[in-house]
Amino acid sequence: GLTALGLFASVAQAHGPTRQKIVV
């Protein structure tokens, strides 16, 4: 379980870009 959790955490941190939105 700990190993799986560690793998999941590393995959969750290594994500691609997310769409950003700005309003000025």
PDB file of all heavy atoms in Angstrom:
ATOM      1  N   GLY A   1       0.816  -1.215   0.000  1.00  0.00           N
ATOM      2  CA  GLY A   1       0.000   0.000   0.000  1.00  0.00           C
ATOM      3  C   GLY A   1       0.847   1.261   0.000  1.00  0.00           C
ATOM      4  O   GLY A   1       0.582   2.212  -0.727  1.00  0.00           O
ATOM      5  N   LEU A   2       1.880   1.287   0.829  1.00  0.00           N
ATOM      6  CA  LEU A   2       2.772   2.444   0.876  1.00  0.00           C
ATOM      7  C   LEU A   2       3.475   2.650  -0.465  1.00  0.00           C
ATOM      8  O   LEU A   2       3.610   3.777  -0.944  1.00  0.00           O
ATOM      9  CB  LEU A   2       3.815   2.291   1.983  1.00  0.00           C
ATOM     10  CG  LEU A   2       3.376   2.625   3.391  1.00  0.00           C
ATOM     11  CD1 LEU A   2       4.525   2.376   4.375  1.00  0.00           C
ATOM     12  CD2 LEU A   2       2.920   4.066   3.487  1.00  0.00           C
ATOM     13  N   THR A   3       3.934   1.569  -1.061  1.00  0.00           N
ATOM     14  CA  THR A   3       4.602   1.660  -2.357  1.00  0.00           C
ATOM     15  C   THR A   3       3.652   2.211  -3.407  1.00  0.00           C
ATOM     16  O   THR A   3       4.009   3.101  -4.183  1.00  0.00           O
ATOM     17  CB  THR A   3       5.136   0.271  -2.786  1.00  0.00           C
ATOM     18  OG1 THR A   3       6.014  -0.204  -1.770  1.00  0.00           O
ATOM     19  CG2 THR A   3       5.859   0.336  -4.110  1.00  0.00           C
ATOM     20  N   ALA A   4       2.429   1.699  -3.442  1.00  0.00           N
ATOM     21  CA  ALA A   4       1.428   2.169  -4.407  1.00  0.00           C
ATOM     22  C   ALA A   4       1.120   3.649  -4.170  1.00  0.00           C
ATOM     23  O   ALA A   4       1.013   4.433  -5.122  1.00  0.00           O
ATOM     24  CB  ALA A   4       0.158   1.337  -4.309  1.00  0.00           C
ATOM     25  N   LEU A   5       0.999   4.051  -2.911  1.00  0.00           N
ATOM     26  CA  LEU A   5       0.736   5.439  -2.579  1.00  0.00           C
ATOM     27  C   LEU A   5       1.880   6.328  -3.051  1.00  0.00           C
ATOM     28  O   LEU A   5       1.665   7.404  -3.620  1.00  0.00           O
ATOM     29  CB  LEU A   5       0.515   5.599  -1.072  1.00  0.00           C
ATOM     30  CG  LEU A   5       0.101   6.982  -0.585  1.00  0.00           C
ATOM     31  CD1 LEU A   5      -1.218   7.385  -1.222  1.00  0.00           C
ATOM     32  CD2 LEU A   5      -0.013   6.982   0.920  1.00  0.00           C
ATOM     33  N   GLY A   6       3.108   5.872  -2.863  1.00  0.00           N
ATOM     34  CA  GLY A   6       4.275   6.630  -3.319  1.00  0.00           C
ATOM     35  C   GLY A   6       4.296   6.772  -4.830  1.00  0.00           C
ATOM     36  O   GLY A   6       4.588   7.844  -5.363  1.00  0.00           O
ATOM     37  N   LEU A   7       3.964   5.698  -5.541  1.00  0.00           N
ATOM     38  CA  LEU A   7       3.906   5.775  -6.996  1.00  0.00           C
ATOM     39  C   LEU A   7       2.813   6.719  -7.448  1.00  0.00           C
ATOM     40  O   LEU A   7       2.999   7.519  -8.356  1.00  0.00           O
ATOM     41  CB  LEU A   7       3.684   4.383  -7.602  1.00  0.00           C
ATOM     42  CG  LEU A   7       4.867   3.441  -7.574  1.00  0.00           C
ATOM     43  CD1 LEU A   7       4.443   2.047  -8.032  1.00  0.00           C
ATOM     44  CD2 LEU A   7       5.988   3.973  -8.442  1.00  0.00           C
ATOM     45  N   PHE A   8       1.647   6.648  -6.810  1.00  0.00           N
ATOM     46  CA  PHE A   8       0.542   7.524  -7.161  1.00  0.00           C
ATOM     47  C   PHE A   8       0.916   8.990  -6.932  1.00  0.00           C
ATOM     48  O   PHE A   8       0.654   9.851  -7.753  1.00  0.00           O
ATOM     49  CB  PHE A   8      -0.710   7.171  -6.363  1.00  0.00           C
ATOM     50  CG  PHE A   8      -1.854   8.110  -6.619  1.00  0.00           C
ATOM     51  CD1 PHE A   8      -2.567   8.034  -7.805  1.00  0.00           C
ATOM     52  CD2 PHE A   8      -2.199   9.086  -5.698  1.00  0.00           C
ATOM     53  CE1 PHE A   8      -3.614   8.905  -8.058  1.00  0.00           C
ATOM     54  CE2 PHE A   8      -3.237   9.957  -5.940  1.00  0.00           C
ATOM     55  CZ  PHE A   8      -3.953   9.864  -7.134  1.00  0.00           C
ATOM     56  N   ALA A   9       1.566   9.267  -5.817  1.00  0.00           N
ATOM     57  CA  ALA A   9       1.963  10.642  -5.501  1.00  0.00           C
ATOM     58  C   ALA A   9       2.947  11.174  -6.524  1.00  0.00           C
ATOM     59  O   ALA A   9       2.848  12.317  -6.965  1.00  0.00           O
ATOM     60  CB  ALA A   9       2.556  10.715  -4.096  1.00  0.00           C
ATOM     61  N   SER A  10       3.897  10.350  -6.957  1.00  0.00           N
ATOM     62  CA  SER A  10       4.865  10.833  -7.939  1.00  0.00           C
ATOM     63  C   SER A  10       4.209  11.049  -9.289  1.00  0.00           C
ATOM     64  O   SER A  10       4.530  11.994 -10.005  1.00  0.00           O
ATOM     65  CB  SER A  10       6.061   9.875  -8.061  1.00  0.00           C
ATOM     66  OG  SER A  10       5.656   8.651  -8.629  1.00  0.00           O
ATOM     67  N   VAL A  11       3.246  10.200  -9.668  1.00  0.00           N
ATOM     68  CA  VAL A  11       2.522  10.389 -10.922  1.00  0.00           C
ATOM     69  C   VAL A  11       1.647  11.634 -10.830  1.00  0.00           C
ATOM     70  O   VAL A  11       1.549  12.408 -11.772  1.00  0.00           O
ATOM     71  CB  VAL A  11       1.681   9.134 -11.255  1.00  0.00           C
ATOM     72  CG1 VAL A  11       0.714   9.417 -12.390  1.00  0.00           C
ATOM     73  CG2 VAL A  11       2.585   7.964 -11.608  1.00  0.00           C
ATOM     74  N   ALA A  12       1.027  11.870  -9.693  1.00  0.00           N
ATOM     75  CA  ALA A  12       0.157  13.030  -9.532  1.00  0.00           C
ATOM     76  C   ALA A  12       0.951  14.328  -9.638  1.00  0.00           C
ATOM     77  O   ALA A  12       0.465  15.316 -10.160  1.00  0.00           O
ATOM     78  CB  ALA A  12      -0.564  12.965  -8.187  1.00  0.00           C
ATOM     79  N   GLN A  13       2.198  14.334  -9.159  1.00  0.00           N
ATOM     80  CA  GLN A  13       3.015  15.544  -9.238  1.00  0.00           C
ATOM     81  C   GLN A  13       3.554  15.764 -10.644  1.00  0.00           C
ATOM     82  O   GLN A  13       3.810  16.876 -11.042  1.00  0.00           O
ATOM     83  CB  GLN A  13       4.172  15.464  -8.251  1.00  0.00           C
ATOM     84  CG  GLN A  13       3.733  15.633  -6.829  1.00  0.00           C
ATOM     85  CD  GLN A  13       4.904  15.543  -5.872  1.00  0.00           C
ATOM     86  OE1 GLN A  13       5.971  15.070  -6.209  1.00  0.00           O
ATOM     87  NE2 GLN A  13       4.680  16.005  -4.661  1.00  0.00           N
ATOM     88  N   ALA A  14       3.755  14.718 -11.398  1.00  0.00           N
ATOM     89  CA  ALA A  14       4.323  14.819 -12.734  1.00  0.00           C
ATOM     90  C   ALA A  14       3.200  14.922 -13.759  1.00  0.00           C
ATOM     91  O   ALA A  14       2.984  14.037 -14.557  1.00  0.00           O
ATOM     92  CB  ALA A  14       5.207  13.602 -13.013  1.00  0.00           C
ATOM     93  N   HIS A  15       2.455  15.994 -13.704  1.00  0.00           N
ATOM     94  CA  HIS A  15       1.349  16.185 -14.639  1.00  0.00           C
ATOM     95  C   HIS A  15       1.745  17.177 -15.709  1.00  0.00           C
ATOM     96  O   HIS A  15       2.668  17.955 -15.557  1.00  0.00           O
ATOM     97  CB  HIS A  15       0.091  16.658 -13.904  1.00  0.00           C
ATOM     98  CG  HIS A  15       0.262  18.023 -13.304  1.00  0.00           C
ATOM     99  ND1 HIS A  15       0.076  19.160 -14.038  1.00  0.00           N
ATOM    100  CD2 HIS A  15       0.614  18.425 -12.064  1.00  0.00           C
ATOM    101  CE1 HIS A  15       0.310  20.219 -13.265  1.00  0.00           C
ATOM    102  NE2 HIS A  15       0.634  19.792 -12.064  1.00  0.00           N
ATOM    103  N   GLY A  16       1.026  17.126 -16.802  1.00  0.00           N
ATOM    104  CA  GLY A  16       1.256  18.082 -17.878  1.00  0.00           C
ATOM    105  C   GLY A  16       0.645  19.423 -17.524  1.00  0.00           C
ATOM    106  O   GLY A  16       0.153  19.630 -16.418  1.00  0.00           O
ATOM    107  N   PRO A  17       0.648  20.329 -18.470  1.00  0.00           N
ATOM    108  CA  PRO A  17       0.129  21.670 -18.218  1.00  0.00           C
ATOM    109  C   PRO A  17      -1.385  21.688 -18.032  1.00  0.00           C
ATOM    110  O   PRO A  17      -2.095  20.816 -18.532  1.00  0.00           O
ATOM    111  CB  PRO A  17       0.522  22.432 -19.480  1.00  0.00           C
ATOM    112  CG  PRO A  17       0.685  21.401 -20.530  1.00  0.00           C
ATOM    113  CD  PRO A  17       1.147  20.166 -19.830  1.00  0.00           C
ATOM    114  N   THR A  18      -1.859  22.682 -17.298  1.00  0.00           N
ATOM    115  CA  THR A  18      -3.296  22.896 -17.136  1.00  0.00           C
ATOM    116  C   THR A  18      -3.644  24.252 -17.743  1.00  0.00           C
ATOM    117  O   THR A  18      -2.821  25.177 -17.736  1.00  0.00           O
ATOM    118  CB  THR A  18      -3.713  22.866 -15.654  1.00  0.00           C
ATOM    119  OG1 THR A  18      -2.940  23.825 -14.936  1.00  0.00           O
ATOM    120  CG2 THR A  18      -3.508  21.499 -15.045  1.00  0.00           C
ATOM    121  N   ARG A  19      -4.839  24.359 -18.277  1.00  0.00           N
ATOM    122  CA  ARG A  19      -5.277  25.598 -18.919  1.00  0.00           C
ATOM    123  C   ARG A  19      -5.386  26.700 -17.865  1.00  0.00           C
ATOM    124  O   ARG A  19      -6.007  26.518 -16.816  1.00  0.00           O
ATOM    125  CB  ARG A  19      -6.617  25.384 -19.602  1.00  0.00           C
ATOM    126  CG  ARG A  19      -7.016  26.531 -20.503  1.00  0.00           C
ATOM    127  CD  ARG A  19      -7.447  25.978 -21.848  1.00  0.00           C
ATOM    128  NE  ARG A  19      -7.984  26.960 -22.752  1.00  0.00           N
ATOM    129  CZ  ARG A  19      -7.269  27.532 -23.706  1.00  0.00           C
ATOM    130  NH1 ARG A  19      -6.002  27.219 -23.869  1.00  0.00           N
ATOM    131  NH2 ARG A  19      -7.810  28.403 -24.518  1.00  0.00           N
ATOM    132  N   GLN A  20      -4.775  27.826 -18.155  1.00  0.00           N
ATOM    133  CA  GLN A  20      -4.809  28.979 -17.261  1.00  0.00           C
ATOM    134  C   GLN A  20      -5.768  30.018 -17.837  1.00  0.00           C
ATOM    135  O   GLN A  20      -5.905  30.132 -19.060  1.00  0.00           O
ATOM    136  CB  GLN A  20      -3.411  29.594 -17.134  1.00  0.00           C
ATOM    137  CG  GLN A  20      -2.352  28.632 -16.649  1.00  0.00           C
ATOM    138  CD  GLN A  20      -2.636  28.096 -15.272  1.00  0.00           C
ATOM    139  OE1 GLN A  20      -2.956  28.837 -14.353  1.00  0.00           O
ATOM    140  NE2 GLN A  20      -2.528  26.787 -15.124  1.00  0.00           N
ATOM    141  N   LYS A  21      -6.390  30.789 -16.960  1.00  0.00           N
ATOM    142  CA  LYS A  21      -7.293  31.854 -17.396  1.00  0.00           C
ATOM    143  C   LYS A  21      -6.967  33.121 -16.632  1.00  0.00           C
ATOM    144  O   LYS A  21      -6.755  33.089 -15.427  1.00  0.00           O
ATOM    145  CB  LYS A  21      -8.744  31.456 -17.171  1.00  0.00           C
ATOM    146  CG  LYS A  21      -9.157  30.274 -18.029  1.00  0.00           C
ATOM    147  CD  LYS A  21     -10.580  29.877 -17.790  1.00  0.00           C
ATOM    148  CE  LYS A  21     -10.909  28.672 -18.674  1.00  0.00           C
ATOM    149  NZ  LYS A  21     -12.229  28.162 -18.418  1.00  0.00           N
ATOM    150  N   ILE A  22      -6.933  34.208 -17.354  1.00  0.00           N
ATOM    151  CA  ILE A  22      -6.604  35.522 -16.781  1.00  0.00           C
ATOM    152  C   ILE A  22      -7.687  36.511 -17.201  1.00  0.00           C
ATOM    153  O   ILE A  22      -8.133  36.493 -18.348  1.00  0.00           O
ATOM    154  CB  ILE A  22      -5.250  36.031 -17.332  1.00  0.00           C
ATOM    155  CG1 ILE A  22      -4.116  35.089 -16.991  1.00  0.00           C
ATOM    156  CG2 ILE A  22      -4.944  37.440 -16.862  1.00  0.00           C
ATOM    157  CD1 ILE A  22      -3.817  34.971 -15.528  1.00  0.00           C
ATOM    158  N   VAL A  23      -8.081  37.385 -16.286  1.00  0.00           N
ATOM    159  CA  VAL A  23      -8.984  38.481 -16.617  1.00  0.00           C
ATOM    160  C   VAL A  23      -8.382  39.754 -16.026  1.00  0.00           C
ATOM    161  O   VAL A  23      -8.087  39.812 -14.836  1.00  0.00           O
ATOM    162  CB  VAL A  23     -10.401  38.276 -16.031  1.00  0.00           C
ATOM    163  CG1 VAL A  23     -11.290  39.477 -16.345  1.00  0.00           C
ATOM    164  CG2 VAL A  23     -11.018  36.990 -16.535  1.00  0.00           C
ATOM    165  N   VAL A  24      -8.181  40.751 -16.891  1.00  0.00           N
ATOM    166  CA  VAL A  24      -7.706  42.059 -16.439  1.00  0.00           C
ATOM    167  C   VAL A  24      -8.659  43.088 -17.029  1.00  0.00           C
ATOM    168  O   VAL A  24      -9.056  42.988 -18.192  1.00  0.00           O
ATOM    169  CB  VAL A  24      -6.252  42.330 -16.910  1.00  0.00           C
ATOM    170  CG1 VAL A  24      -5.807  43.732 -16.516  1.00  0.00           C
ATOM    171  CG2 VAL A  24      -5.299  41.285 -16.336  1.00  0.00           C
TER     172      VAL A  24
END
